Amino acid sequence: MEGIEYKTVEKVTNVLLFVRGVKNASYNEVAEIELENGRKINGQVLATNEDVTIIQVFGDTSGMNTEGTKVRFKGSTFKIPVSMDMVGRVFDGLGRPRDGGIPVFSDEKADINGNPINPYAREEPSEFVQTGISAIDCMNTLVRGQKLPIFSGSGLAHNKVAAQIVKQAKILSEKDEFYVVFGGIGINSEDANFFVNEFQKSGALEKSVVFLNLAAEPSMERIVLPRLALTTAEYLAYEKGAHVIVILTDMTNYAEALREISAARDEVPGRRGYPGYLYTDLASLFERAGKVKGKQGSVTQLPILTMPSDDITHPIPDLTGYITEGQIVLSRSMDKSGIYPGIDVLLSLSRLMNQGIGKDSTREDHKGVSDQMYAAYAKGKELRSLTEIVGEDALSSIDKQYLNFANEFENRFLKQGFDEDRSINDTLDLGWELLSMIDKKEIKRIKPEFIQKYGKWKETSE
């Protein structure tokens, strides 16, 4: 069908083009749109039937009309050239160079739509990924091949957390290549400059591929960008045998672009105006993370989303939680208290944590230390609320120990510097130091032999 030119544009919206009488157009097929002034823009077939074909336009639709606009269907889906030359580069939301360099040329081209990994072909995630952030490494461990989203709120430090993970992430047990693919979706210029500058300053850009779509740029690029990022990651992982972390921020902007398309198609809206297929669309992205049997590499995902009004029941975080294997939740109250990265460990969860920790992965005492600190911190927070009513003097000596533990846990364990890269051993040793503030008789979630080996209690306290 390539080469046939259609001048039967029926309707133009801010994001869609409706063309009549198209024969044999395919879903996701690329279309070239030519305006009266000769300007050309690419698009992609979103839906097709006997009467009308709907094209999603990747760019500004201003200047398009029903009279002088021509559409030519290319007969293929959206593909990008993939090559190791992409590493160390910065691209826009359509894969064009943003760093002033030349375009990537390669005979190897990959369909950006990809496919979720067949469950039968999946290998169970098991290797520990060290981020250098204690609240993640010890309490909500990231495992290679996992999809673990970060739930944040407007104005919180999720961008700093993302940049810190890009700088510090590593797999201790592997000697294979390790890369980061970063996708900024609808972010502002200040944030884009922050990411690029941090990656360059730390040297992380040399092992990264960066895609950026700015808030002022076409919203339809936000639909394409995560697929470009994941396709690049799959090439590095499954063709080159590397381990890849994909960080996508902000997935809320992606969902808003989906809602914009849905409204332009006059679809019946679902929850809060989002399309009814939001769940399946998000799943088509998140399920592209994992390890494949027989392949050396892996794709690990850390999507970041800001919860509107800090509402964790909002459709975007709610549906994301069903698809992914846990969540890291940033706390506004901790942020106001000056605690960075401000991760609320009691609301956070890594469902695959137990598969990536222990004697041969992190350290034999990891699970016990984590469980004991969870319990102690939860009790300390309860007592903190109680003291607001009855006062601290009403607490027993043991209760005061838990209260002090909660304060020190937040200020010394959860709080750390932006450039502070803690090893898992440093993190666990700090955990033992904090647990020594509590009477040893209270330590019931750690095996006695580990208490004997790693404990920091003084003999006089026994």
Protein backbone atom coordinates (compact mmCIF):
# COMPACT_ATOMS: atom_id res chain seq x y z
CA MET A 1 0.00 0.00 0.00
CA GLU A 2 3.06 2.26 0.28
CA GLY A 3 3.04 4.99 -2.34
CA ILE A 4 -0.75 5.46 -2.41
CA GLU A 5 -1.55 9.04 -1.41
CA TYR A 6 -4.84 9.90 0.27
CA LYS A 7 -6.41 13.36 0.19
CA THR A 8 -9.57 12.24 1.98
CA VAL A 9 -8.92 13.81 5.39
CA GLU A 10 -12.30 14.11 7.09
CA LYS A 11 -11.39 15.69 10.42
CA VAL A 12 -8.38 17.08 12.30
CA THR A 13 -8.11 17.38 16.10
CA ASN A 14 -5.16 18.52 18.19
CA VAL A 15 -3.75 14.97 18.26
CA LEU A 16 -5.61 12.88 15.66
CA LEU A 17 -6.26 12.76 11.93
CA PHE A 18 -9.34 11.01 10.51
CA VAL A 19 -8.98 9.72 6.93
CA ARG A 20 -11.81 8.23 4.84
CA GLY A 21 -11.66 5.35 2.39
CA VAL A 22 -8.27 3.86 3.30
CA LYS A 23 -7.82 0.30 2.07
CA ASN A 24 -5.85 -2.30 4.05
CA ALA A 25 -4.31 0.02 6.63
CA SER A 26 -2.82 -1.90 9.58
CA TYR A 27 -2.85 -1.16 13.29
CA ASN A 28 0.37 0.66 14.34
CA GLU A 29 1.34 1.24 10.69
CA VAL A 30 3.43 4.38 10.14
CA ALA A 31 1.86 7.16 8.08
CA GLU A 32 3.56 10.19 6.54
CA ILE A 33 1.43 13.35 6.64
CA GLU A 34 2.24 16.20 4.26
CA LEU A 35 0.78 19.66 4.84
CA GLU A 36 -0.06 22.25 2.19
CA ASN A 37 3.20 24.09 2.88
CA GLY A 38 5.22 20.91 2.25
CA ARG A 39 6.00 20.19 5.92
CA LYS A 40 5.98 16.47 6.71
CA ILE A 41 5.05 14.81 9.99
CA ASN A 42 4.90 11.16 10.92
CA GLY A 43 1.93 9.44 12.49
CA GLN A 44 0.77 5.99 13.46
CA VAL A 45 -2.49 4.15 12.74
CA LEU A 46 -4.48 3.96 15.95
CA ALA A 47 -7.66 2.37 14.61
CA THR A 48 -9.06 1.40 11.24
CA ASN A 49 -12.37 0.21 9.82
CA GLU A 50 -14.20 0.26 6.48
CA ASP A 51 -15.11 3.93 6.81
CA VAL A 52 -12.44 5.84 8.72
CA THR A 53 -8.80 5.30 9.67
CA ILE A 54 -7.63 7.20 12.76
CA ILE A 55 -4.00 8.38 12.79
CA GLN A 56 -2.16 9.45 15.91
CA VAL A 57 0.02 12.43 14.90
CA PHE A 58 3.56 12.71 16.31
CA GLY A 59 3.89 16.45 16.24
CA ASP A 60 2.01 19.70 15.99
CA THR A 61 -1.23 19.47 14.01
CA SER A 62 -1.48 23.25 13.48
CA GLY A 63 -1.72 24.04 9.77
CA MET A 64 -3.43 20.76 8.89
CA ASN A 65 -6.78 20.97 7.15
CA THR A 66 -9.20 18.70 5.36
CA GLU A 67 -8.44 20.13 1.93
CA GLY A 68 -4.68 20.29 1.39
CA THR A 69 -3.36 17.60 3.73
CA LYS A 70 -2.07 14.40 2.12
CA VAL A 71 -1.48 11.07 3.88
CA ARG A 72 0.78 8.27 2.66
CA PHE A 73 0.91 4.92 4.48
CA LYS A 74 4.37 3.37 4.73
CA GLY A 75 3.41 -0.30 4.99
CA SER A 76 5.47 -0.92 8.13
CA THR A 77 5.34 -0.28 11.87
CA PHE A 78 7.43 2.29 13.75
CA LYS A 79 11.01 0.98 13.93
CA ILE A 80 14.19 2.53 15.26
CA PRO A 81 17.79 1.76 14.29
CA VAL A 82 19.48 0.11 17.28
CA SER A 83 23.23 0.09 17.84
CA MET A 84 25.82 0.31 20.60
CA ASP A 85 26.41 3.83 19.26
CA MET A 86 23.27 4.85 21.19
CA VAL A 87 25.10 4.48 24.50
CA GLY A 88 26.22 7.84 25.88
CA ARG A 89 23.72 9.75 23.72
CA VAL A 90 20.66 11.92 24.43
CA PHE A 91 17.61 11.66 22.12
CA ASP A 92 14.18 13.28 21.94
CA GLY A 93 10.81 11.56 22.26
CA LEU A 94 10.96 10.25 18.68
CA GLY A 95 14.54 9.01 18.85
CA ARG A 96 16.16 12.01 17.13
CA PRO A 97 19.46 13.32 18.54
CA ARG A 98 19.03 16.03 21.17
CA ASP A 99 22.74 16.31 22.04
CA GLY A 100 23.89 17.86 18.77
CA GLY A 101 25.37 14.58 17.53
CA ILE A 102 24.64 12.74 14.31
CA PRO A 103 21.65 10.37 13.99
CA VAL A 104 22.27 6.70 14.74
CA PHE A 105 22.73 4.66 11.56
CA SER A 106 22.29 0.90 11.72
CA ASP A 107 21.13 -1.91 9.48
CA GLU A 108 19.45 -3.42 12.53
CA LYS A 109 16.02 -1.93 13.18
CA ALA A 110 13.60 -2.90 15.97
CA ASP A 111 9.83 -2.48 16.21
CA ILE A 112 9.18 -0.12 19.12
CA ASN A 113 5.89 -1.82 20.02
CA GLY A 114 7.65 -4.99 21.08
CA ASN A 115 5.85 -7.70 23.02
CA PRO A 116 5.44 -8.55 26.69
CA ILE A 117 7.61 -11.51 27.63
CA ASN A 118 5.87 -14.88 27.34
CA PRO A 119 5.38 -16.17 30.91
CA TYR A 120 6.72 -19.59 29.85
CA ALA A 121 9.93 -17.98 28.60
CA ARG A 122 10.48 -15.96 31.78
CA GLU A 123 13.26 -16.81 34.17
CA GLU A 124 12.63 -16.06 37.84
CA PRO A 125 14.39 -12.86 39.02
CA SER A 126 16.97 -13.60 41.70
CA GLU A 127 20.04 -11.32 41.65
CA PHE A 128 20.36 -8.35 44.00
CA VAL A 129 20.68 -4.88 42.41
CA GLN A 130 22.50 -2.42 44.67
CA THR A 131 21.22 1.14 44.38
CA GLY A 132 23.35 2.54 47.21
CA ILE A 133 20.17 3.77 48.95
CA SER A 134 19.66 2.01 52.30
CA ALA A 135 15.85 2.29 52.35
CA ILE A 136 15.72 0.37 49.06
CA ASP A 137 18.67 -2.02 49.38
CA CYS A 138 17.87 -3.25 52.89
CA MET A 139 14.13 -2.74 53.32
CA ASN A 140 12.69 -2.99 49.76
CA THR A 141 15.36 -4.77 47.78
CA LEU A 142 15.43 -4.41 43.99
CA VAL A 143 16.02 -7.66 42.09
CA ARG A 144 17.34 -8.00 38.53
CA GLY A 145 14.42 -8.41 36.12
CA GLN A 146 11.90 -6.85 38.53
CA LYS A 147 9.49 -4.00 37.85
CA LEU A 148 9.40 -1.81 40.97
CA PRO A 149 7.68 1.59 40.59
CA ILE A 150 8.36 4.68 42.68
CA PHE A 151 5.17 6.42 43.84
CA SER A 152 5.77 10.10 44.50
CA GLY A 153 3.91 13.39 44.71
CA SER A 154 4.26 16.74 43.02
CA GLY A 155 7.33 18.59 44.29
CA LEU A 156 8.89 15.60 46.06
CA ALA A 157 12.45 14.40 45.44
CA HIS A 158 11.73 11.61 42.92
CA ASN A 159 13.95 13.23 40.28
CA LYS A 160 16.90 13.27 42.69
CA VAL A 161 16.20 9.64 43.64
CA ALA A 162 16.13 8.66 39.95
CA ALA A 163 19.41 10.48 39.26
CA GLN A 164 21.05 8.91 42.31
CA ILE A 165 20.01 5.41 41.23
CA VAL A 166 21.36 6.04 37.72
CA LYS A 167 24.70 7.11 39.22
CA GLN A 168 25.00 4.32 41.78
CA ALA A 169 23.16 1.21 40.56
CA LYS A 170 25.25 -1.92 40.13
CA ILE A 171 24.99 -5.71 40.20
CA LEU A 172 27.57 -7.10 42.61
CA SER A 173 27.53 -10.74 41.54
CA GLU A 174 27.85 -10.15 37.78
CA LYS A 175 30.74 -9.09 35.59
CA ASP A 176 28.57 -8.47 32.52
CA GLU A 177 27.96 -5.03 31.06
CA PHE A 178 25.50 -2.84 32.95
CA TYR A 179 23.55 0.03 31.38
CA VAL A 180 20.81 2.48 32.29
CA VAL A 181 18.12 3.60 29.84
CA PHE A 182 16.46 6.79 31.09
CA GLY A 183 13.20 8.20 29.73
CA GLY A 184 11.94 11.64 30.75
CA ILE A 185 8.24 11.90 29.79
CA GLY A 186 6.75 15.40 29.66
CA ILE A 187 9.31 16.85 32.08
CA ASN A 188 10.17 20.56 32.22
CA SER A 189 13.41 22.05 30.88
CA GLU A 190 14.85 22.54 34.36
CA ASP A 191 14.45 18.85 35.20
CA ALA A 192 15.83 17.80 31.81
CA ASN A 193 18.95 19.95 32.34
CA PHE A 194 19.31 18.56 35.87
CA PHE A 195 19.33 14.96 34.64
CA VAL A 196 21.72 15.54 31.75
CA ASN A 197 24.12 17.60 33.90
CA GLU A 198 24.10 15.03 36.72
CA PHE A 199 24.70 12.14 34.33
CA GLN A 200 27.57 13.99 32.66
CA LYS A 201 29.13 15.14 35.94
CA SER A 202 29.07 11.68 37.49
CA GLY A 203 30.18 9.89 34.33
CA ALA A 204 26.95 7.86 34.32
CA LEU A 205 26.11 9.11 30.82
CA GLU A 206 28.89 6.91 29.42
CA LYS A 207 26.79 3.86 30.40
CA SER A 208 23.38 5.38 29.67
CA VAL A 209 20.94 6.04 26.84
CA VAL A 210 18.72 9.06 27.51
CA PHE A 211 15.37 9.93 25.89
CA LEU A 212 13.75 13.26 26.80
CA ASN A 213 10.33 14.67 25.92
CA LEU A 214 9.81 18.15 27.34
CA ALA A 215 6.52 19.53 28.66
CA ALA A 216 6.35 22.07 25.80
CA GLU A 217 6.78 19.38 23.13
CA PRO A 218 3.98 17.37 21.48
CA SER A 219 2.15 15.18 23.98
CA MET A 220 1.99 12.32 21.46
CA GLU A 221 5.73 11.85 21.83
CA ARG A 222 4.94 10.75 25.40
CA ILE A 223 3.19 7.70 23.97
CA VAL A 224 6.21 6.77 21.86
CA LEU A 225 9.06 7.57 24.26
CA PRO A 226 8.66 4.68 26.77
CA ARG A 227 8.45 2.25 23.85
CA LEU A 228 11.67 3.67 22.38
CA ALA A 229 13.36 3.32 25.77
CA LEU A 230 12.19 -0.26 26.28
CA THR A 231 13.12 -1.30 22.74
CA THR A 232 16.62 0.09 23.29
CA ALA A 233 16.84 -1.75 26.63
CA GLU A 234 15.71 -5.03 25.03
CA TYR A 235 18.39 -4.67 22.35
CA LEU A 236 21.12 -4.10 24.95
CA ALA A 237 19.81 -6.92 27.15
CA TYR A 238 18.80 -9.69 24.78
CA GLU A 239 21.07 -8.99 21.81
CA LYS A 240 24.18 -7.76 23.64
CA GLY A 241 23.81 -9.70 26.89
CA ALA A 242 23.86 -6.66 29.17
CA HIS A 243 21.92 -5.96 32.37
CA VAL A 244 19.76 -2.87 31.92
CA ILE A 245 17.77 -0.70 34.32
CA VAL A 246 15.00 1.35 32.68
CA ILE A 247 13.87 4.46 34.57
CA LEU A 248 10.76 6.18 33.20
CA THR A 249 9.55 9.45 34.72
CA ASP A 250 6.81 10.61 34.85
CA MET A 251 4.31 7.84 33.95
CA THR A 252 1.47 10.14 35.03
CA ASN A 253 2.26 12.34 32.02
CA TYR A 254 2.09 9.22 29.84
CA ALA A 255 -1.37 8.39 31.22
CA GLU A 256 -2.51 11.98 30.62
CA ALA A 257 -1.48 11.67 26.96
CA LEU A 258 -3.53 8.46 26.72
CA ARG A 259 -6.52 10.30 28.19
CA GLU A 260 -6.06 13.09 25.63
CA ILE A 261 -6.19 10.56 22.76
CA SER A 262 -9.21 8.84 24.27
CA ALA A 263 -11.09 12.15 24.54
CA ALA A 264 -10.23 13.04 20.92
CA ARG A 265 -11.72 9.69 19.80
CA ASP A 266 -14.92 10.42 21.76
CA GLU A 267 -14.51 7.19 23.73
CA VAL A 268 -16.61 6.51 26.79
CA PRO A 269 -14.32 7.45 29.69
CA GLY A 270 -13.48 5.11 32.56
CA ARG A 271 -12.38 6.05 36.08
CA ARG A 272 -11.67 9.79 36.39
CA GLY A 273 -11.79 10.23 32.63
CA TYR A 274 -8.98 7.78 31.82
CA PRO A 275 -9.65 5.24 29.06
CA GLY A 276 -10.91 1.82 30.06
CA TYR A 277 -7.82 0.24 28.47
CA LEU A 278 -5.39 2.13 30.76
CA TYR A 279 -4.61 -1.09 32.66
CA THR A 280 -3.79 -3.14 29.56
CA ASP A 281 -1.81 -0.27 28.03
CA LEU A 282 0.35 0.13 31.15
CA ALA A 283 0.76 -3.65 31.33
CA SER A 284 2.05 -3.71 27.73
CA LEU A 285 4.94 -1.52 28.95
CA PHE A 286 5.63 -2.93 32.42
CA GLU A 287 5.52 -6.56 31.28
CA ARG A 288 8.48 -5.92 29.00
CA ALA A 289 10.72 -6.17 32.09
CA GLY A 290 12.29 -9.46 33.08
CA LYS A 291 14.80 -12.19 32.33
CA VAL A 292 14.37 -14.56 29.39
CA LYS A 293 15.43 -18.20 29.52
CA GLY A 294 18.53 -18.77 27.43
CA LYS A 295 19.42 -15.07 27.30
CA GLN A 296 22.28 -13.59 29.29
CA GLY A 297 20.88 -10.08 29.81
CA SER A 298 17.90 -8.67 31.67
CA VAL A 299 15.62 -5.63 31.80
CA THR A 300 14.76 -4.17 35.21
CA GLN A 301 12.18 -1.37 35.39
CA LEU A 302 11.88 1.52 37.86
CA PRO A 303 8.96 3.57 36.54
CA ILE A 304 8.24 6.76 38.50
CA LEU A 305 4.80 8.32 38.78
CA THR A 306 3.50 11.32 40.70
CA MET A 307 0.19 10.60 42.43
CA PRO A 308 -2.32 13.42 41.82
CA SER A 309 -3.11 15.00 45.22
CA ASP A 310 -0.85 12.34 46.80
CA ASP A 311 -3.75 9.89 46.35
CA ILE A 312 -2.43 6.31 46.25
CA THR A 313 -5.93 5.10 45.25
CA HIS A 314 -5.85 7.23 42.07
CA PRO A 315 -6.27 5.04 38.94
CA ILE A 316 -2.64 5.42 37.80
CA PRO A 317 -0.87 4.19 40.99
CA ASP A 318 -3.75 1.81 41.74
CA LEU A 319 -3.51 0.00 38.39
CA THR A 320 0.29 0.17 38.39
CA GLY A 321 0.32 -1.64 41.73
CA TYR A 322 -1.65 -4.54 40.24
CA ILE A 323 0.83 -4.98 37.40
CA THR A 324 4.16 -4.47 39.14
CA GLU A 325 5.94 -6.33 41.93
CA GLY A 326 5.60 -3.82 44.75
CA GLN A 327 6.22 -0.09 45.09
CA ILE A 328 8.56 2.45 46.67
CA VAL A 329 6.51 5.28 48.24
CA LEU A 330 7.95 8.74 48.92
CA SER A 331 6.56 10.56 51.97
CA ARG A 332 5.61 14.25 51.93
CA SER A 333 5.85 14.47 55.73
CA MET A 334 9.44 13.17 55.63
CA ASP A 335 10.26 15.60 52.85
CA LYS A 336 8.97 18.47 54.99
CA SER A 337 11.15 17.21 57.85
CA GLY A 338 14.23 17.44 55.62
CA ILE A 339 14.68 13.67 55.24
CA TYR A 340 16.02 12.67 51.83
CA PRO A 341 15.19 10.42 49.98
CA GLY A 342 12.11 10.33 52.24
CA ILE A 343 11.04 6.76 51.48
CA ASP A 344 8.15 5.55 53.63
CA VAL A 345 9.31 1.99 54.25
CA LEU A 346 6.06 1.00 55.99
CA LEU A 347 4.02 1.80 52.85
CA SER A 348 6.65 0.41 50.49
CA LEU A 349 7.01 -3.19 49.40
CA SER A 350 9.22 -5.32 47.17
CA ARG A 351 7.45 -8.61 46.49
CA LEU A 352 10.59 -10.22 45.05
CA MET A 353 12.89 -9.08 47.86
CA ASN A 354 13.36 -12.54 49.41
CA GLN A 355 14.58 -13.92 46.07
CA GLY A 356 17.48 -11.48 45.92
CA ILE A 357 18.83 -11.47 49.47
CA GLY A 358 20.64 -13.91 51.75
CA LYS A 359 23.99 -15.61 52.11
CA ASP A 360 24.94 -15.90 48.45
CA SER A 361 23.41 -12.58 47.35
CA THR A 362 23.73 -9.89 50.02
CA ARG A 363 24.47 -11.22 53.51
CA GLU A 364 23.07 -14.01 55.66
CA ASP A 365 21.59 -11.63 58.26
CA HIS A 366 19.79 -9.40 55.72
CA LYS A 367 16.23 -10.71 56.13
CA GLY A 368 16.39 -10.79 59.92
CA VAL A 369 17.79 -7.26 60.18
CA SER A 370 15.16 -5.94 57.76
CA ASP A 371 12.26 -7.67 59.57
CA GLN A 372 13.46 -6.50 62.99
CA MET A 373 13.85 -2.89 61.87
CA TYR A 374 10.39 -2.94 60.26
CA ALA A 375 8.86 -4.13 63.52
CA ALA A 376 10.83 -1.70 65.69
CA TYR A 377 10.12 1.29 63.45
CA ALA A 378 6.40 0.48 63.26
CA LYS A 379 6.22 0.26 67.07
CA GLY A 380 8.23 3.46 67.45
CA LYS A 381 5.86 5.35 65.15
CA GLU A 382 2.85 4.11 67.13
CA LEU A 383 4.47 5.32 70.34
CA ARG A 384 5.24 8.67 68.71
CA SER A 385 1.52 9.14 68.10
CA LEU A 386 0.76 8.02 71.66
CA THR A 387 3.17 10.54 73.22
CA GLU A 388 1.25 13.34 71.54
CA ILE A 389 -1.66 12.35 73.79
CA VAL A 390 -0.14 11.12 77.06
CA GLY A 391 3.36 12.63 76.92
CA GLU A 392 6.73 10.88 76.86
CA ASP A 393 6.92 10.60 80.66
CA ALA A 394 4.10 8.04 80.61
CA LEU A 395 6.21 5.61 78.53
CA SER A 396 8.15 2.67 79.95
CA SER A 397 11.94 2.46 79.50
CA ILE A 398 11.50 -0.10 76.70
CA ASP A 399 8.93 2.12 74.97
CA LYS A 400 11.38 5.03 75.10
CA GLN A 401 13.98 2.82 73.42
CA TYR A 402 11.61 2.15 70.52
CA LEU A 403 10.73 5.84 70.30
CA ASN A 404 14.40 6.79 70.13
CA PHE A 405 14.99 4.04 67.58
CA ALA A 406 12.28 5.44 65.29
CA ASN A 407 13.86 8.90 65.41
CA GLU A 408 17.39 7.61 64.76
CA PHE A 409 16.14 5.23 62.04
CA GLU A 410 14.68 8.18 60.12
CA ASN A 411 17.60 10.55 60.70
CA ARG A 412 20.49 8.12 60.19
CA PHE A 413 19.21 5.16 58.16
CA LEU A 414 16.50 6.56 55.89
CA LYS A 415 18.23 9.92 55.55
CA GLN A 416 21.35 10.00 53.42
CA GLY A 417 23.15 12.37 51.08
CA PHE A 418 22.50 12.67 47.35
CA ASP A 419 26.11 11.65 46.67
CA GLU A 420 26.25 9.05 49.45
CA ASP A 421 26.64 5.57 47.98
CA ARG A 422 26.24 2.97 50.73
CA SER A 423 27.25 -0.62 50.12
CA ILE A 424 24.87 -3.31 51.36
CA ASN A 425 27.40 -4.22 54.08
CA ASP A 426 27.54 -0.60 55.27
CA THR A 427 23.74 -0.49 55.31
CA LEU A 428 23.38 -3.71 57.32
CA ASP A 429 26.11 -2.66 59.77
CA LEU A 430 24.26 0.63 60.32
CA GLY A 431 21.08 -1.37 60.93
CA TRP A 432 22.81 -3.40 63.64
CA GLU A 433 24.13 -0.20 65.22
CA LEU A 434 20.61 1.23 65.44
CA LEU A 435 19.11 -2.03 66.73
CA SER A 436 21.64 -1.96 69.58
CA MET A 437 19.62 0.97 70.99
CA ILE A 438 16.95 -1.60 71.92
CA ASP A 439 17.33 -4.19 74.67
CA LYS A 440 18.72 -7.42 73.21
CA LYS A 441 15.82 -9.40 74.73
CA GLU A 442 13.48 -7.51 72.33
CA ILE A 443 15.32 -8.79 69.24
CA LYS A 444 13.14 -11.76 68.30
CA ARG A 445 13.22 -11.73 64.50
CA ILE A 446 16.93 -12.40 64.05
CA LYS A 447 18.57 -15.79 64.56
CA PRO A 448 20.71 -16.00 67.75
CA GLU A 449 23.82 -16.97 65.79
CA PHE A 450 23.51 -13.78 63.71
CA ILE A 451 23.05 -11.69 66.86
CA GLN A 452 26.23 -13.29 68.21
CA LYS A 453 28.14 -12.69 64.95
CA TYR A 454 26.98 -9.21 63.93
CA GLY A 455 25.38 -7.67 67.04
CA LYS A 456 26.78 -4.45 68.50
CA TRP A 457 25.43 -4.69 72.05
CA LYS A 458 27.90 -4.08 74.86
CA GLU A 459 28.42 -6.97 77.25
CA THR A 460 27.05 -4.94 80.14
CA SER A 461 23.65 -4.62 78.47
CA GLU A 462 23.03 -8.35 78.36
